[in-house]
């Protein structure tokens, strides 16, 4: 038996390793903006040695502020503007001749006047550009809220089967939690959440007798159930817009890591969002009562999913699932819509 077969996913040493990896990733993400701004300051200092015009140099020191306003918002932009002014002040104080190619051509007092005017304009620019960024961000949040409202309305109108509706709601929560522990950005987590809400819509066109059959399905009946994936995509295709991004996720959520799913895709060929959705979908299915079997406990479901790591499921996604499970992130109240 291989060494990997003796390992126990979810054991304390492995769990703490996973926790440290997640915390390290989050810390690096939180500091990314600081490193970005610092790198721009360093770039400006290097170019400072190569460019003669002091006004051109001041323009270079404006870059970190403009980037902060564009990416991070008003508060960050204003703070970066003051940091830029402080940096330029230090450069001029310790090396007065560095702002011009010919020493003495521009008097030091004139340099400070130019720097003061430039600094004031920079702070005002940072404030207004940052405000514009935050208003645009608020507008995007409103659009996202509207988008998710439309998703819920669409689900309410289309889904007549209460089990499918409640199942999809729970899967959307599980998938979002797993995706967060996997380290996906918020925009992709929202795509997974939307895909989870709608991933079983195609079952509306499958016979109720087949879906709720207590006995084992025949090959013909199982083939019919498998068509719910493409039928769901066909139902959603005309909607277009942002929703179109989730269609490949829905289409691939029954593909398996080893290639033995609904389609022959395997491993990295399957979108990561679909691999996450597959784990969340299976977890809820295992822990729910079905016509042909009783629900398993959450602990049993965890063991089953771990046992299928590398077969049905992506091992890295299973690790994120186990971490979310062990941190009790997958515990949600029973929801009946």
Protein backbone atom coordinates (compact mmCIF):
# COMPACT_ATOMS: atom_id res chain seq x y z
CA UNK A 1 0.00 0.00 0.00
CA UNK A 2 1.38 3.42 -0.94
CA UNK A 3 2.33 6.05 1.61
CA UNK A 4 -0.51 8.25 0.45
CA UNK A 5 -2.98 5.52 1.29
CA UNK A 6 -1.88 5.69 4.93
CA UNK A 7 -2.30 9.45 5.18
CA UNK A 8 -5.37 10.68 6.97
CA UNK A 9 -6.82 13.82 5.35
CA UNK A 10 -8.21 16.10 7.98
CA UNK A 11 -5.86 14.87 10.74
CA UNK A 12 -4.58 17.54 13.13
CA UNK A 13 -1.10 18.02 11.60
CA UNK A 14 -2.55 18.21 8.09
CA UNK A 15 -5.35 20.51 9.25
CA UNK A 16 -2.93 22.95 10.85
CA UNK A 17 -0.81 22.87 7.70
CA UNK A 18 -3.89 23.74 5.65
CA UNK A 19 -4.84 26.52 8.07
CA UNK A 20 -1.36 28.00 7.87
CA UNK A 21 -1.46 27.85 4.06
CA UNK A 22 -4.84 29.60 3.92
CA UNK A 23 -3.81 32.27 6.44
CA UNK A 24 -0.54 32.84 4.58
CA UNK A 25 -2.43 33.24 1.30
CA UNK A 26 -4.84 35.74 2.82
CA UNK A 27 -1.99 37.72 4.39
CA UNK A 28 -0.16 37.92 1.07
CA UNK A 29 -3.36 39.07 -0.65
CA UNK A 30 -3.93 41.74 2.00
CA UNK A 31 -0.38 43.08 1.54
CA UNK A 32 -0.42 42.93 -2.26
CA UNK A 33 -1.56 46.52 -2.63
CA UNK A 34 1.25 47.78 -0.38
CA UNK A 35 3.87 45.92 -2.38
CA UNK A 36 2.39 47.26 -5.61
CA UNK A 37 2.55 50.88 -4.44
CA UNK A 38 6.06 50.34 -3.03
CA UNK A 39 7.24 48.94 -6.35
CA UNK A 40 5.94 52.03 -8.13
CA UNK A 41 7.83 54.26 -5.71
CA UNK A 42 11.00 52.28 -6.41
CA UNK A 43 10.39 52.61 -10.15
CA UNK A 44 9.93 56.36 -9.77
CA UNK A 45 13.20 56.62 -7.82
CA UNK A 46 15.06 54.72 -10.53
CA UNK A 47 13.59 56.85 -13.30
CA UNK A 48 14.39 59.89 -11.19
CA UNK A 49 18.06 59.22 -11.96
CA UNK A 50 17.44 58.99 -15.69
CA UNK A 51 15.10 61.91 -16.43
CA UNK A 52 16.28 65.49 -16.30
CA UNK A 53 13.03 67.46 -16.12
CA UNK A 54 11.87 67.91 -12.54
CA UNK A 55 8.27 68.29 -13.66
CA UNK A 56 8.46 64.99 -15.50
CA UNK A 57 9.80 63.40 -12.30
CA UNK A 58 6.87 64.81 -10.33
CA UNK A 59 4.58 63.18 -12.87
CA UNK A 60 6.24 59.84 -12.22
CA UNK A 61 5.61 60.18 -8.49
CA UNK A 62 1.92 60.69 -9.30
CA UNK A 63 1.59 57.16 -10.66
CA UNK A 64 1.17 55.36 -7.31
CA UNK A 65 -1.65 57.74 -6.34
CA UNK A 66 -3.47 57.34 -9.65
CA UNK A 67 -3.21 53.57 -9.41
CA UNK A 68 -4.44 53.58 -5.80
CA UNK A 69 -7.44 55.71 -6.76
CA UNK A 70 -8.28 53.45 -9.68
CA UNK A 71 -7.93 50.15 -7.81
CA UNK A 72 -8.47 50.77 -4.09
CA UNK A 73 -10.58 53.89 -3.64
CA UNK A 74 -10.52 57.33 -2.03
CA UNK A 75 -8.95 56.67 1.38
CA UNK A 76 -6.08 54.62 -0.03
CA UNK A 77 -5.51 57.18 -2.82
CA UNK A 78 -5.30 60.15 -0.45
CA UNK A 79 -2.89 58.32 1.86
CA UNK A 80 -0.75 57.36 -1.14
CA UNK A 81 -0.79 60.99 -2.32
CA UNK A 82 0.60 62.17 1.03
CA UNK A 83 3.18 59.39 0.88
CA UNK A 84 4.21 60.55 -2.61
CA UNK A 85 4.55 64.15 -1.40
CA UNK A 86 6.62 62.99 1.56
CA UNK A 87 8.84 60.91 -0.72
CA UNK A 88 9.45 63.81 -3.12
CA UNK A 89 10.15 66.10 -0.16
CA UNK A 90 12.81 63.74 1.15
CA UNK A 91 14.41 63.46 -2.30
CA UNK A 92 14.62 67.24 -2.72
CA UNK A 93 15.78 67.85 0.85
CA UNK A 94 18.65 65.39 0.76
CA UNK A 95 19.57 65.92 -2.89
CA UNK A 96 18.44 69.38 -4.09
CA UNK A 97 20.08 69.00 -7.51
CA UNK A 98 18.36 65.75 -8.37
CA UNK A 99 15.26 67.47 -9.76
CA UNK A 100 17.09 69.16 -12.62
CA UNK A 101 19.95 68.35 -14.95
CA UNK A 102 21.72 71.69 -14.44
CA UNK A 103 22.21 72.63 -10.77
CA UNK A 104 21.28 76.19 -9.99
CA UNK A 105 19.00 76.69 -12.99
CA UNK A 106 15.94 76.27 -10.80
CA UNK A 107 16.23 77.85 -7.36
CA UNK A 108 15.44 75.66 -4.37
CA UNK A 109 12.59 77.97 -3.31
CA UNK A 110 11.02 77.63 -6.74
CA UNK A 111 11.35 73.87 -6.50
CA UNK A 112 9.50 73.83 -3.19
CA UNK A 113 6.79 76.05 -4.66
CA UNK A 114 6.37 73.69 -7.61
CA UNK A 115 6.29 70.69 -5.27
CA UNK A 116 3.68 72.38 -3.05
CA UNK A 117 1.42 73.16 -6.02
CA UNK A 118 1.93 69.67 -7.41
CA UNK A 119 1.18 68.11 -4.02
CA UNK A 120 -2.04 70.05 -3.58
CA UNK A 121 -3.24 69.09 -7.03
CA UNK A 122 -2.26 65.49 -6.37
CA UNK A 123 -4.27 65.28 -3.14
CA UNK A 124 -7.35 66.85 -4.79
CA UNK A 125 -6.98 64.48 -7.75
CA UNK A 126 -6.65 61.51 -5.40
CA UNK A 127 -9.77 62.53 -3.50
CA UNK A 128 -11.99 62.97 -6.56
CA UNK A 129 -10.66 59.97 -8.48
CA UNK A 130 -11.05 57.81 -5.38
CA UNK A 131 -14.59 59.08 -4.90
CA UNK A 132 -15.38 58.25 -8.52
CA UNK A 133 -13.98 54.76 -7.99
CA UNK A 134 -16.11 54.20 -4.87
CA UNK A 135 -19.26 55.42 -6.61
CA UNK A 136 -18.55 53.08 -9.50
CA UNK A 137 -17.96 50.25 -7.02
CA UNK A 138 -21.24 51.01 -5.25
CA UNK A 139 -23.01 51.00 -8.60
CA UNK A 140 -21.48 47.60 -9.39
CA UNK A 141 -22.68 46.28 -6.02
CA UNK A 142 -26.20 47.46 -6.86
CA UNK A 143 -25.99 45.68 -10.21
CA UNK A 144 -24.76 42.51 -8.48
CA UNK A 145 -27.61 42.69 -5.96
CA UNK A 146 -30.06 43.14 -8.83
CA UNK A 147 -28.45 40.23 -10.67
CA UNK A 148 -28.80 37.92 -7.67
CA UNK A 149 -32.37 39.10 -7.17
CA UNK A 150 -33.15 38.16 -10.75
CA UNK A 151 -31.52 34.77 -10.15
CA UNK A 152 -33.73 34.12 -7.14
CA UNK A 153 -36.86 35.26 -9.01
CA UNK A 154 -35.89 33.08 -11.97
CA UNK A 155 -35.39 30.13 -9.67
CA UNK A 156 -38.73 30.73 -7.92
CA UNK A 157 -40.65 30.89 -11.19
CA UNK A 158 -38.91 28.03 -12.96
CA UNK A 159 -38.42 25.57 -10.11
CA UNK A 160 -41.66 23.80 -9.24
CA UNK A 161 -39.86 21.01 -7.39
CA UNK A 162 -39.23 22.05 -3.76
CA UNK A 163 -36.49 19.47 -3.20
CA UNK A 164 -34.51 20.76 -6.19
CA UNK A 165 -35.04 24.33 -5.06
CA UNK A 166 -33.87 23.75 -1.48
CA UNK A 167 -31.03 21.52 -2.68
CA UNK A 168 -29.80 24.25 -5.04
CA UNK A 169 -29.93 26.87 -2.29
CA UNK A 170 -27.86 24.73 0.08
CA UNK A 171 -25.37 23.81 -2.64
CA UNK A 172 -24.87 27.51 -3.43
CA UNK A 173 -23.83 28.12 0.19
CA UNK A 174 -21.55 25.08 0.35
CA UNK A 175 -19.91 25.89 -3.00
CA UNK A 176 -19.26 29.51 -2.04
CA UNK A 177 -17.63 28.44 1.24
CA UNK A 178 -15.43 25.84 -0.44
CA UNK A 179 -14.44 28.31 -3.16
CA UNK A 180 -13.44 30.87 -0.51
CA UNK A 181 -11.19 28.33 1.26
CA UNK A 182 -9.78 27.29 -2.11
CA UNK A 183 -8.73 30.92 -2.58
CA UNK A 184 -10.81 32.05 -5.55
CA UNK A 185 -11.53 35.79 -5.89
CA UNK A 186 -14.97 37.11 -4.98
CA UNK A 187 -16.10 37.55 -8.59
CA UNK A 188 -15.55 33.86 -9.33
CA UNK A 189 -17.19 32.86 -6.06
CA UNK A 190 -20.28 34.77 -7.14
CA UNK A 191 -20.27 32.91 -10.47
CA UNK A 192 -20.15 29.60 -8.57
CA UNK A 193 -23.01 30.73 -6.32
CA UNK A 194 -25.13 31.63 -9.36
CA UNK A 195 -24.29 28.35 -11.10
CA UNK A 196 -25.22 26.39 -7.97
CA UNK A 197 -28.61 28.10 -7.74
CA UNK A 198 -29.41 27.08 -11.31
CA UNK A 199 -27.41 23.89 -11.85
CA UNK A 200 -30.41 21.52 -11.68
CA UNK A 201 -32.95 23.60 -13.60
CA UNK A 202 -32.74 21.10 -16.47
CA UNK A 203 -34.45 18.51 -14.23
CA UNK A 204 -37.72 20.38 -14.81
CA UNK A 205 -37.89 18.66 -18.17
CA UNK A 206 -37.16 15.21 -16.75
CA UNK A 207 -40.02 12.89 -15.87
CA UNK A 208 -41.01 13.11 -12.17
CA UNK A 209 -41.45 9.33 -12.12
CA UNK A 210 -37.81 8.88 -13.15
CA UNK A 211 -36.44 11.50 -10.74
CA UNK A 212 -38.28 10.04 -7.74
CA UNK A 213 -38.05 6.39 -8.61
CA UNK A 214 -37.21 4.39 -5.49
CA UNK A 215 -35.67 1.47 -7.39
CA UNK A 216 -32.45 1.49 -9.39
CA UNK A 217 -32.73 3.37 -12.69
CA UNK A 218 -32.48 1.51 -15.96
CA UNK A 219 -29.80 2.57 -18.45
CA UNK A 220 -32.42 4.42 -20.52
CA UNK A 221 -33.74 6.23 -17.44
CA UNK A 222 -30.25 7.20 -16.30
CA UNK A 223 -29.43 8.50 -19.78
CA UNK A 224 -32.54 10.66 -19.54
CA UNK A 225 -31.45 12.05 -16.15
CA UNK A 226 -28.04 12.86 -17.58
CA UNK A 227 -29.65 15.15 -20.16
CA UNK A 228 -30.67 17.60 -17.40
CA UNK A 229 -27.27 19.28 -17.71
CA UNK A 230 -27.59 20.23 -21.38
CA UNK A 231 -31.31 20.95 -20.99
CA UNK A 232 -30.54 23.38 -18.20
CA UNK A 233 -27.94 25.17 -20.32
CA UNK A 234 -30.43 25.35 -23.20
CA UNK A 235 -33.03 26.90 -20.88
CA UNK A 236 -30.61 29.55 -19.64
CA UNK A 237 -28.82 30.30 -22.93
CA UNK A 238 -31.35 32.93 -24.14
CA UNK A 239 -30.92 34.99 -20.95
CA UNK A 240 -27.40 36.05 -21.98
CA UNK A 241 -25.50 38.85 -20.23
CA UNK A 242 -23.57 38.07 -17.06
CA UNK A 243 -25.48 34.81 -16.65
CA UNK A 244 -23.72 33.44 -19.70
CA UNK A 245 -20.50 33.11 -17.67
CA UNK A 246 -22.04 30.40 -15.48
CA UNK A 247 -23.18 28.16 -18.35
CA UNK A 248 -19.80 26.35 -18.73
CA UNK A 249 -19.83 25.75 -14.96
CA UNK A 250 -23.27 24.15 -15.09
CA UNK A 251 -22.36 22.13 -18.19
CA UNK A 252 -19.32 20.55 -16.50
CA UNK A 253 -20.55 20.03 -12.93
CA UNK A 254 -21.07 16.27 -13.47
CA UNK A 255 -17.66 15.73 -15.10
CA UNK A 256 -15.30 13.79 -12.89
CA UNK A 257 -11.63 14.27 -12.04
CA UNK A 258 -10.67 10.86 -13.46
CA UNK A 259 -12.70 11.31 -16.65
CA UNK A 260 -15.56 8.96 -15.70
CA UNK A 261 -18.28 11.62 -15.51
CA UNK A 262 -21.05 12.61 -17.87
CA UNK A 263 -18.43 13.76 -20.38
CA UNK A 264 -14.87 12.46 -20.92
CA UNK A 265 -13.23 15.65 -19.61
CA UNK A 266 -10.89 15.16 -16.65
CA UNK A 267 -8.55 17.00 -14.29
CA UNK A 268 -7.59 20.52 -15.34
CA UNK A 269 -9.80 20.25 -18.43
CA UNK A 270 -12.79 20.80 -16.12
CA UNK A 271 -13.33 24.42 -14.96
CA UNK A 272 -12.30 24.82 -11.32
CA UNK A 273 -15.72 26.29 -10.57
CA UNK A 274 -17.32 23.06 -11.80
CA UNK A 275 -14.95 20.94 -9.71
CA UNK A 276 -15.97 22.91 -6.63
CA UNK A 277 -19.65 22.69 -7.50
CA UNK A 278 -19.33 18.91 -7.93
CA UNK A 279 -18.09 18.50 -4.34
CA UNK A 280 -20.79 20.81 -2.92
CA UNK A 281 -23.50 19.06 -4.96
CA UNK A 282 -22.39 15.61 -3.82
CA UNK A 283 -22.11 16.68 -0.18
CA UNK A 284 -25.69 17.91 -0.12
CA UNK A 285 -26.97 14.87 -2.02
CA UNK A 286 -25.29 12.49 0.43
CA UNK A 287 -26.67 14.33 3.48
CA UNK A 288 -30.25 14.54 2.11
CA UNK A 289 -33.03 11.94 2.12
CA UNK A 290 -33.66 10.47 -1.32
CA UNK A 291 -36.45 8.14 -2.48
CA UNK A 292 -34.01 5.21 -2.67
CA UNK A 293 -32.02 5.80 0.55
CA UNK A 294 -31.85 7.68 3.85
CA UNK A 295 -29.52 10.61 4.37
CA UNK A 296 -26.01 10.00 5.69
CA UNK A 297 -24.56 12.05 8.51
CA UNK A 298 -22.32 14.99 7.67
CA UNK A 299 -19.32 13.11 9.07
CA UNK A 300 -20.10 10.11 6.85
CA UNK A 301 -20.46 12.43 3.86
CA UNK A 302 -17.06 13.94 4.61
CA UNK A 303 -15.48 10.46 4.73
CA UNK A 304 -17.14 9.48 1.44
CA UNK A 305 -15.90 12.62 -0.34
CA UNK A 306 -12.39 12.18 1.04
CA UNK A 307 -12.44 8.59 -0.20
CA UNK A 308 -13.29 9.82 -3.71
CA UNK A 309 -10.48 12.38 -3.78
CA UNK A 310 -8.46 11.91 -6.96
CA UNK A 311 -11.26 9.82 -8.49
CA UNK A 312 -14.49 11.77 -8.68
CA UNK A 313 -13.12 14.94 -7.11
CA UNK A 314 -10.12 17.23 -7.44
CA UNK A 315 -7.82 16.55 -4.42
CA UNK A 316 -7.16 20.27 -3.85
CA UNK A 317 -10.88 21.03 -3.85
CA UNK A 318 -11.41 18.20 -1.37
CA UNK A 319 -8.75 19.76 0.88
CA UNK A 320 -10.61 23.09 0.76
CA UNK A 321 -13.87 21.24 1.51
CA UNK A 322 -12.33 19.48 4.53
CA UNK A 323 -10.93 22.74 5.85
CA UNK A 324 -14.34 24.45 5.54
CA UNK A 325 -16.01 21.42 7.13
CA UNK A 326 -13.58 21.27 10.06
CA UNK A 327 -14.07 24.98 10.68
CA UNK A 328 -17.84 24.34 10.80
CA UNK A 329 -18.44 26.60 7.78
CA UNK A 330 -20.72 24.02 6.14
CA UNK A 331 -23.25 23.97 8.94
CA UNK A 332 -26.41 25.75 7.80
CA UNK A 333 -29.95 25.57 9.22
CA UNK A 334 -32.55 23.51 7.43
CA UNK A 335 -34.06 25.74 4.77
CA UNK A 336 -37.51 25.26 3.32
CA UNK A 337 -38.49 27.74 0.61
